[in-house]
Amino acid sequence: AVVSTQSGHYGRGGNKKTPNFNDQEQIITSCSEMIAQINIVMGHVKKVLSGEAPSDKELGRQLMEVVQSIPNLDGDTITNMLNSHMQDLLAVEYLTYLTRQQLAISARINQIL
């Protein structure tokens, strides 16, 4: 779970998935998969701490690398970043729509002339 989280593999079977931020369902699915991966890692750590599973120094190092690579952001900061990103995407989508409409109007004008 640690290696797949570090390398960006979110799906089962090693399939690398990139989230589609145009679809809220994709974000929810990606977050759910990440939470499932975190729960697997937490379960393993609890087993090691309780002595039910043997410790592995390499896995411990990988866990530390993952934990240290995560930026320390509070919930409000993450929410603001997500909202800003979504607004940017909506603006791009709107501009794409306007461009398509302008091209359609231009094509009609050219047909008339």
C-alpha atoms as a PDB file:
ATOM      1  CA  ALA A   1       0.000   0.000   0.000  1.00  0.00           C
ATOM      2  CA  VAL A   2       2.848   2.363   0.838  1.00  0.00           C
ATOM      3  CA  VAL A   3       4.653   1.806  -2.454  1.00  0.00           C
ATOM      4  CA  SER A   4       1.476   2.176  -4.489  1.00  0.00           C
ATOM      5  CA  THR A   5       0.604   5.379  -2.635  1.00  0.00           C
ATOM      6  CA  GLN A   6       4.089   6.809  -3.171  1.00  0.00           C
ATOM      7  CA  SER A   7       4.157   5.969  -6.853  1.00  0.00           C
ATOM      8  CA  GLY A   8       0.709   7.405  -7.538  1.00  0.00           C
ATOM      9  CA  HIS A   9      -1.032   4.076  -8.230  1.00  0.00           C
ATOM     10  CA  TYR A  10      -4.541   4.484  -6.943  1.00  0.00           C
ATOM     11  CA  GLY A  11      -6.271   1.576  -8.633  1.00  0.00           C
ATOM     12  CA  ARG A  12      -6.062  -2.144  -8.093  1.00  0.00           C
ATOM     13  CA  GLY A  13      -3.685  -4.205 -10.184  1.00  0.00           C
ATOM     14  CA  GLY A  14      -1.136  -1.405 -10.554  1.00  0.00           C
ATOM     15  CA  ASN A  15      -3.245   0.673 -12.933  1.00  0.00           C
ATOM     16  CA  LYS A  16      -2.258   4.290 -12.571  1.00  0.00           C
ATOM     17  CA  LYS A  17      -5.323   6.467 -12.538  1.00  0.00           C
ATOM     18  CA  THR A  18      -5.335  10.215 -12.863  1.00  0.00           C
ATOM     19  CA  PRO A  19      -8.346  11.930 -11.365  1.00  0.00           C
ATOM     20  CA  ASN A  20     -10.697  13.748 -13.713  1.00  0.00           C
ATOM     21  CA  PHE A  21     -11.365  17.016 -11.901  1.00  0.00           C
ATOM     22  CA  ASN A  22     -14.245  17.860 -14.213  1.00  0.00           C
ATOM     23  CA  ASP A  23     -16.304  15.203 -12.491  1.00  0.00           C
ATOM     24  CA  GLN A  24     -17.040  15.429  -8.774  1.00  0.00           C
ATOM     25  CA  GLU A  25     -17.680  11.687  -8.634  1.00  0.00           C
ATOM     26  CA  GLN A  26     -14.096  11.019  -9.713  1.00  0.00           C
ATOM     27  CA  ILE A  27     -12.798  13.161  -6.854  1.00  0.00           C
ATOM     28  CA  ILE A  28     -14.993  11.312  -4.382  1.00  0.00           C
ATOM     29  CA  THR A  29     -13.850   7.943  -5.772  1.00  0.00           C
ATOM     30  CA  SER A  30     -10.186   8.930  -5.606  1.00  0.00           C
ATOM     31  CA  CYS A  31     -10.550  10.140  -2.030  1.00  0.00           C
ATOM     32  CA  SER A  32     -12.342   6.928  -1.060  1.00  0.00           C
ATOM     33  CA  GLU A  33      -9.570   4.837  -2.602  1.00  0.00           C
ATOM     34  CA  MET A  34      -6.932   6.897  -0.803  1.00  0.00           C
ATOM     35  CA  ILE A  35      -8.745   6.484   2.509  1.00  0.00           C
ATOM     36  CA  ALA A  36      -8.900   2.720   1.911  1.00  0.00           C
ATOM     37  CA  GLN A  37      -5.127   2.671   1.266  1.00  0.00           C
ATOM     38  CA  ILE A  38      -4.501   4.687   4.449  1.00  0.00           C
ATOM     39  CA  ASN A  39      -6.679   2.283   6.449  1.00  0.00           C
ATOM     40  CA  ILE A  40      -4.648  -0.681   5.148  1.00  0.00           C
ATOM     41  CA  VAL A  41      -1.397   1.001   6.159  1.00  0.00           C
ATOM     42  CA  MET A  42      -2.788   1.995   9.566  1.00  0.00           C
ATOM     43  CA  GLY A  43      -3.966  -1.571  10.162  1.00  0.00           C
ATOM     44  CA  HIS A  44      -0.496  -2.904   9.394  1.00  0.00           C
ATOM     45  CA  VAL A  45       1.178  -0.327  11.661  1.00  0.00           C
ATOM     46  CA  LYS A  46      -1.175  -1.230  14.516  1.00  0.00           C
ATOM     47  CA  LYS A  47      -0.341  -4.924  14.056  1.00  0.00           C
ATOM     48  CA  VAL A  48       3.394  -4.168  14.154  1.00  0.00           C
ATOM     49  CA  LEU A  49       3.015  -1.993  17.250  1.00  0.00           C
ATOM     50  CA  SER A  50       1.005  -4.674  19.047  1.00  0.00           C
ATOM     51  CA  GLY A  51       3.513  -7.373  18.067  1.00  0.00           C
ATOM     52  CA  GLU A  52       1.098  -9.294  15.839  1.00  0.00           C
ATOM     53  CA  ALA A  53       3.248  -8.665  12.753  1.00  0.00           C
ATOM     54  CA  PRO A  54       7.030  -8.462  12.391  1.00  0.00           C
ATOM     55  CA  SER A  55       8.570  -5.038  11.851  1.00  0.00           C
ATOM     56  CA  ASP A  56      10.255  -4.207   8.567  1.00  0.00           C
ATOM     57  CA  LYS A  57      12.860  -1.419   8.563  1.00  0.00           C
ATOM     58  CA  GLU A  58      12.531  -0.763   4.820  1.00  0.00           C
ATOM     59  CA  LEU A  59       8.747  -0.444   5.082  1.00  0.00           C
ATOM     60  CA  GLY A  60       9.216   1.877   8.062  1.00  0.00           C
ATOM     61  CA  ARG A  61      11.541   4.079   6.004  1.00  0.00           C
ATOM     62  CA  GLN A  62       9.032   4.167   3.157  1.00  0.00           C
ATOM     63  CA  LEU A  63       6.269   5.153   5.579  1.00  0.00           C
ATOM     64  CA  MET A  64       8.423   7.980   6.938  1.00  0.00           C
ATOM     65  CA  GLU A  65       9.115   9.226   3.396  1.00  0.00           C
ATOM     66  CA  VAL A  66       5.392   9.250   2.631  1.00  0.00           C
ATOM     67  CA  VAL A  67       4.517  11.038   5.865  1.00  0.00           C
ATOM     68  CA  GLN A  68       7.268  13.623   5.372  1.00  0.00           C
ATOM     69  CA  SER A  69       6.196  14.286   1.777  1.00  0.00           C
ATOM     70  CA  ILE A  70       2.670  15.305   2.832  1.00  0.00           C
ATOM     71  CA  PRO A  71       2.324  19.083   3.220  1.00  0.00           C
ATOM     72  CA  ASN A  72       1.023  20.216   6.585  1.00  0.00           C
ATOM     73  CA  LEU A  73      -2.196  21.985   5.582  1.00  0.00           C
ATOM     74  CA  ASP A  74      -5.303  22.593   7.622  1.00  0.00           C
ATOM     75  CA  GLY A  75      -8.789  21.793   6.371  1.00  0.00           C
ATOM     76  CA  ASP A  76      -9.639  25.390   5.481  1.00  0.00           C
ATOM     77  CA  THR A  77      -6.553  25.754   3.311  1.00  0.00           C
ATOM     78  CA  ILE A  78      -7.340  22.541   1.445  1.00  0.00           C
ATOM     79  CA  THR A  79     -10.968  23.615   0.984  1.00  0.00           C
ATOM     80  CA  ASN A  80      -9.883  27.007  -0.378  1.00  0.00           C
ATOM     81  CA  MET A  81      -7.402  25.370  -2.770  1.00  0.00           C
ATOM     82  CA  LEU A  82     -10.053  22.950  -4.031  1.00  0.00           C
ATOM     83  CA  ASN A  83     -12.633  25.701  -4.482  1.00  0.00           C
ATOM     84  CA  SER A  84     -10.129  27.865  -6.341  1.00  0.00           C
ATOM     85  CA  HIS A  85      -9.207  24.959  -8.595  1.00  0.00           C
ATOM     86  CA  MET A  86     -12.855  24.201  -9.322  1.00  0.00           C
ATOM     87  CA  GLN A  87     -13.520  27.858 -10.166  1.00  0.00           C
ATOM     88  CA  ASP A  88     -10.559  27.823 -12.562  1.00  0.00           C
ATOM     89  CA  LEU A  89     -11.893  24.689 -14.235  1.00  0.00           C
ATOM     90  CA  LEU A  90     -15.367  26.193 -14.572  1.00  0.00           C
ATOM     91  CA  ALA A  91     -13.868  29.315 -16.143  1.00  0.00           C
ATOM     92  CA  VAL A  92     -11.926  27.205 -18.651  1.00  0.00           C
ATOM     93  CA  GLU A  93     -15.053  25.199 -19.441  1.00  0.00           C
ATOM     94  CA  TYR A  94     -17.023  28.421 -19.994  1.00  0.00           C
ATOM     95  CA  LEU A  95     -14.304  29.871 -22.244  1.00  0.00           C
ATOM     96  CA  THR A  96     -14.248  26.626 -24.236  1.00  0.00           C
ATOM     97  CA  TYR A  97     -18.002  26.880 -24.715  1.00  0.00           C
ATOM     98  CA  LEU A  98     -17.705  30.506 -25.858  1.00  0.00           C
ATOM     99  CA  THR A  99     -14.948  29.607 -28.317  1.00  0.00           C
ATOM    100  CA  ARG A 100     -17.059  26.811 -29.818  1.00  0.00           C
ATOM    101  CA  GLN A 101     -20.009  29.138 -30.172  1.00  0.00           C
ATOM    102  CA  GLN A 102     -17.847  31.794 -31.808  1.00  0.00           C
ATOM    103  CA  LEU A 103     -16.470  29.230 -34.270  1.00  0.00           C
ATOM    104  CA  ALA A 104     -19.991  28.058 -35.088  1.00  0.00           C
ATOM    105  CA  ILE A 105     -21.145  31.634 -35.705  1.00  0.00           C
ATOM    106  CA  SER A 106     -18.083  32.296 -37.856  1.00  0.00           C
ATOM    107  CA  ALA A 107     -18.741  29.188 -39.914  1.00  0.00           C
ATOM    108  CA  ARG A 108     -22.365  30.245 -40.491  1.00  0.00           C
ATOM    109  CA  ILE A 109     -21.298  33.731 -41.544  1.00  0.00           C
ATOM    110  CA  ASN A 110     -18.781  32.251 -43.978  1.00  0.00           C
ATOM    111  CA  GLN A 111     -21.511  30.013 -45.449  1.00  0.00           C
ATOM    112  CA  ILE A 112     -23.746  33.002 -45.994  1.00  0.00           C
ATOM    113  CA  LEU A 113     -21.011  35.041 -47.655  1.00  0.00           C
END
